[in-house]
Amino acid sequence: MNPSGPLRRLVLASNNAGKLAELQALLAPLGVALVRQADLGVGEAPEPHRTFIENALSKARFAAAHTGLPALADDAGLCVDAFGGLPGVDTAYYATQFGYPKGDDHNVRALLEQMQGQSNRRAALVSTLVAVRSADDPEPLVAVGRAAGLITEAPQGDGGFGFDPVMFLPELGKTFAELPAEEKNRHSHRGQAALRMRELMRTCWWPDH
C-alpha cells in the first residue's frame, strides 16, 4: 500500500476525541493522519458481539466500506476481576445498567458504588485495535494492549478520560488520571496496543518506512 501524498489517511472508526488524540500521537511516526468517521459522514457501526476483537473488526470493516479508506478501529473496556471480566464490551454503557445516563463520570460513580465492600479490586483496561486496508481485507492487523491495576475507593487525578481516575497502577503509585499524557501513553492499554499496531503497519503495510 503506497501513501498518496505526505500523509497516509486512515479513517478512525470512532468519534471519541480522547481516542483520536491518543492514537494520532502514537501513530504519528508513520506519517499517519487519522480522520474521524463522523467527519466523513459515517455513522456508528453496530456492535453486536461479546468480544473486543469481533466488535473492532466489525467497526473497521464498516468504516472502510463507507469511506473507501483504510480503517482503524478500537474496541476497549474495563474487565473487573470480581465481576467475572465484566463490564467488558458494555463498558461505555455501564452506568445505564444502574439508572444513570451514559457518560464517563456516571460510569465511574456506578463502578465505585458496585465495588463498595469488595476486597478484590483487581481490574484491567483492555484495548483491541484492528486495521484493514479495505472492507474486504483478508488479513486484518490485530494488536492488543492490557493494563492491569486496582480500582481505587475514590477518583484520583484530573487527567485522561473514562475510568482513568479510578484505575490505580501499583508499579507507578498513581492512577492513569494522575499521569502526564506522554507517560500515560507509555503504560496505557491503548498505548500498548497502538505501539504494537505501529510495528505491524510498518512490517506488513509499509515495510519501506
Protein backbone atom coordinates (compact mmCIF):
# COMPACT_ATOMS: atom_id res chain seq x y z
CA MET A 1 0.00 0.00 0.00
CA ASN A 2 1.55 3.26 -1.11
CA PRO A 3 0.84 6.58 0.54
CA SER A 4 -0.77 9.24 -1.63
CA GLY A 5 0.99 12.41 -0.62
CA PRO A 6 2.94 13.20 2.53
CA LEU A 7 0.38 11.71 4.93
CA ARG A 8 -1.33 8.35 4.93
CA ARG A 9 -5.03 8.95 5.65
CA LEU A 10 -6.82 6.38 7.77
CA VAL A 11 -10.39 6.65 8.94
CA LEU A 12 -10.79 6.12 12.68
CA ALA A 13 -13.93 4.10 13.36
CA SER A 14 -14.72 6.14 16.46
CA ASN A 15 -15.93 9.64 17.27
CA ASN A 16 -14.22 9.70 20.68
CA ALA A 17 -11.96 12.77 20.81
CA GLY A 18 -9.78 11.20 23.52
CA LYS A 19 -9.11 8.11 21.44
CA LEU A 20 -8.36 10.22 18.37
CA ALA A 21 -5.78 12.33 20.19
CA GLU A 22 -4.03 9.33 21.78
CA LEU A 23 -3.92 7.23 18.63
CA GLN A 24 -2.87 10.15 16.41
CA ALA A 25 0.09 10.88 18.68
CA LEU A 26 1.15 7.23 18.84
CA LEU A 27 0.88 6.62 15.08
CA ALA A 28 2.41 9.95 14.02
CA PRO A 29 5.87 8.44 13.36
CA LEU A 30 4.35 6.51 10.44
CA GLY A 31 3.09 9.69 8.81
CA VAL A 32 -0.49 8.64 9.52
CA ALA A 33 -3.32 11.17 9.65
CA LEU A 34 -6.42 9.84 11.37
CA VAL A 35 -9.80 11.19 10.32
CA ARG A 36 -12.86 10.56 12.46
CA GLN A 37 -15.60 8.70 10.63
CA ALA A 38 -18.15 11.36 11.62
CA ASP A 39 -16.11 13.96 9.74
CA LEU A 40 -16.61 11.83 6.63
CA GLY A 41 -20.35 11.46 7.17
CA VAL A 42 -20.21 7.91 8.52
CA GLY A 43 -22.47 6.88 11.41
CA GLU A 44 -21.74 4.44 14.20
CA ALA A 45 -21.38 0.77 13.28
CA PRO A 46 -23.45 -1.86 15.10
CA GLU A 47 -21.55 -3.67 17.88
CA PRO A 48 -23.49 -6.88 18.46
CA HIS A 49 -20.58 -9.05 19.59
CA ARG A 50 -19.41 -10.07 23.05
CA THR A 51 -15.66 -9.78 22.46
CA PHE A 52 -13.46 -6.77 21.80
CA ILE A 53 -11.85 -8.26 18.70
CA GLU A 54 -15.14 -9.07 16.96
CA ASN A 55 -16.53 -5.59 17.58
CA ALA A 56 -13.32 -3.86 16.50
CA LEU A 57 -13.21 -5.86 13.27
CA SER A 58 -16.85 -5.09 12.57
CA LYS A 59 -16.28 -1.36 13.12
CA ALA A 60 -13.15 -1.27 10.95
CA ARG A 61 -14.83 -3.04 8.03
CA PHE A 62 -17.88 -0.75 8.35
CA ALA A 63 -15.75 2.42 8.24
CA ALA A 64 -13.67 1.18 5.31
CA ALA A 65 -16.76 0.16 3.36
CA HIS A 66 -18.37 3.57 3.78
CA THR A 67 -15.28 5.70 3.05
CA GLY A 68 -13.09 3.69 0.70
CA LEU A 69 -10.15 4.40 3.03
CA PRO A 70 -8.07 2.06 5.15
CA ALA A 71 -9.63 1.98 8.60
CA LEU A 72 -8.52 1.64 12.19
CA ALA A 73 -10.93 0.63 14.94
CA ASP A 74 -10.52 0.28 18.67
CA ASP A 75 -12.76 -1.66 20.99
CA ALA A 76 -11.81 -1.28 24.60
CA GLY A 77 -13.24 -1.69 28.02
CA LEU A 78 -12.80 -2.40 31.68
CA CYS A 79 -12.61 -6.01 32.83
CA VAL A 80 -13.20 -6.29 36.58
CA ASP A 81 -11.93 -9.47 38.21
CA ALA A 82 -14.69 -9.57 40.85
CA PHE A 83 -17.34 -9.27 38.13
CA GLY A 84 -16.03 -12.16 36.02
CA GLY A 85 -14.46 -9.80 33.50
CA LEU A 86 -17.47 -7.54 33.09
CA PRO A 87 -18.43 -4.91 32.03
CA GLY A 88 -16.13 -5.68 29.09
CA VAL A 89 -17.72 -4.73 25.77
CA ASP A 90 -20.55 -2.98 27.64
CA THR A 91 -18.18 -0.57 29.40
CA ALA A 92 -19.38 2.57 27.57
CA TYR A 93 -22.95 1.92 28.73
CA TYR A 94 -22.08 0.63 32.19
CA ALA A 95 -23.84 3.42 34.11
CA THR A 96 -27.12 2.90 32.25
CA GLN A 97 -27.50 -0.53 33.88
CA PHE A 98 -27.95 1.27 37.20
CA GLY A 99 -30.26 4.07 36.16
CA TYR A 100 -27.64 6.70 35.34
CA PRO A 101 -27.23 8.48 31.98
CA LYS A 102 -24.41 7.37 29.70
CA GLY A 103 -21.12 9.16 30.39
CA ASP A 104 -17.67 8.81 31.91
CA ASP A 105 -18.48 10.44 35.25
CA HIS A 106 -21.61 8.33 35.66
CA ASN A 107 -19.66 5.17 34.76
CA VAL A 108 -17.10 5.91 37.45
CA ARG A 109 -19.80 6.63 40.05
CA ALA A 110 -21.67 3.42 39.22
CA LEU A 111 -18.49 1.34 39.37
CA LEU A 112 -17.46 2.69 42.76
CA GLU A 113 -20.95 2.02 44.11
CA GLN A 114 -20.88 -1.57 42.82
CA MET A 115 -17.39 -2.09 44.26
CA GLN A 116 -18.32 -0.96 47.78
CA GLY A 117 -17.23 -3.57 50.31
CA GLN A 118 -15.40 -5.55 47.63
CA SER A 119 -11.94 -6.69 48.75
CA ASN A 120 -10.88 -7.92 45.32
CA ARG A 121 -10.18 -4.64 43.48
CA ARG A 122 -8.19 -6.16 40.59
CA ALA A 123 -9.15 -4.98 37.12
CA ALA A 124 -7.66 -4.44 33.69
CA LEU A 125 -8.27 -1.95 30.92
CA VAL A 126 -8.09 -3.81 27.62
CA SER A 127 -7.77 -2.35 24.13
CA THR A 128 -8.02 -4.26 20.88
CA LEU A 129 -7.03 -2.39 17.71
CA VAL A 130 -7.91 -3.72 14.27
CA ALA A 131 -6.76 -2.17 10.99
CA VAL A 132 -7.92 -3.10 7.49
CA ARG A 133 -6.74 -1.88 4.09
CA SER A 134 -10.25 -2.25 2.72
CA ALA A 135 -13.61 -3.63 3.79
CA ASP A 136 -12.67 -6.98 2.23
CA ASP A 137 -9.12 -7.19 3.59
CA PRO A 138 -8.49 -10.90 4.31
CA GLU A 139 -5.56 -10.08 6.61
CA PRO A 140 -6.63 -7.55 9.24
CA LEU A 141 -3.93 -6.37 11.59
CA VAL A 142 -4.76 -7.04 15.25
CA ALA A 143 -2.99 -5.58 18.28
CA VAL A 144 -4.00 -6.00 21.91
CA GLY A 145 -2.92 -4.00 24.95
CA ARG A 146 -3.72 -4.70 28.59
CA ALA A 147 -3.11 -2.50 31.62
CA ALA A 148 -3.73 -4.23 34.92
CA GLY A 149 -4.29 -2.41 38.17
CA LEU A 150 -6.61 -1.85 41.10
CA ILE A 151 -9.87 0.07 41.37
CA THR A 152 -9.48 2.90 43.88
CA GLU A 153 -12.00 3.78 46.57
CA ALA A 154 -12.47 7.28 45.08
CA PRO A 155 -11.36 9.17 41.93
CA GLN A 156 -7.78 10.46 41.90
CA GLY A 157 -6.43 12.94 39.36
CA ASP A 158 -7.88 15.26 36.75
CA GLY A 159 -6.39 13.95 33.51
CA GLY A 160 -7.44 11.35 30.97
CA PHE A 161 -10.96 10.11 30.42
CA GLY A 162 -13.11 7.05 31.00
CA PHE A 163 -12.06 5.08 34.08
CA ASP A 164 -8.61 6.74 34.30
CA PRO A 165 -9.36 8.41 37.68
CA VAL A 166 -10.06 5.07 39.40
CA MET A 167 -7.52 2.80 37.67
CA PHE A 168 -4.54 2.68 40.04
CA LEU A 169 -1.23 1.31 38.78
CA PRO A 170 0.72 -0.18 41.71
CA GLU A 171 4.07 -0.05 39.90
CA LEU A 172 3.70 3.71 39.38
CA GLY A 173 1.80 4.53 42.56
CA LYS A 174 -0.69 6.64 40.60
CA THR A 175 -3.91 6.40 38.64
CA PHE A 176 -3.91 6.99 34.91
CA ALA A 177 -5.60 10.35 35.56
CA GLU A 178 -2.57 11.45 37.60
CA LEU A 179 -0.06 10.79 34.81
CA PRO A 180 1.09 13.26 32.15
CA ALA A 181 -0.28 12.32 28.71
CA GLU A 182 3.07 11.10 27.41
CA GLU A 183 3.64 8.82 30.39
CA LYS A 184 0.06 7.57 30.27
CA ASN A 185 0.51 6.60 26.61
CA ARG A 186 3.56 4.51 27.52
CA HIS A 187 1.63 2.47 30.07
CA SER A 188 -2.00 2.51 28.96
CA HIS A 189 -3.84 -0.35 27.29
CA ARG A 190 -4.40 1.79 24.20
CA GLY A 191 -0.80 2.95 24.21
CA GLN A 192 0.47 -0.65 24.29
CA ALA A 193 -1.91 -1.68 21.51
CA ALA A 194 -1.02 1.34 19.38
CA LEU A 195 2.71 0.68 19.62
CA ARG A 196 2.14 -2.92 18.55
CA MET A 197 -0.14 -1.74 15.74
CA ARG A 198 2.52 0.73 14.61
CA GLU A 199 5.03 -2.08 14.26
CA LEU A 200 2.50 -4.28 12.43
CA MET A 201 1.72 -1.48 9.97
CA ARG A 202 5.41 -0.82 9.45
CA THR A 203 6.10 -4.51 8.83
CA CYS A 204 3.00 -5.53 6.85
CA TRP A 205 1.82 -2.38 5.09
CA TRP A 206 4.77 -0.02 4.72
CA PRO A 207 7.99 -2.05 5.08
CA ASP A 208 9.93 0.70 3.33
CA HIS A 209 9.10 3.23 6.04
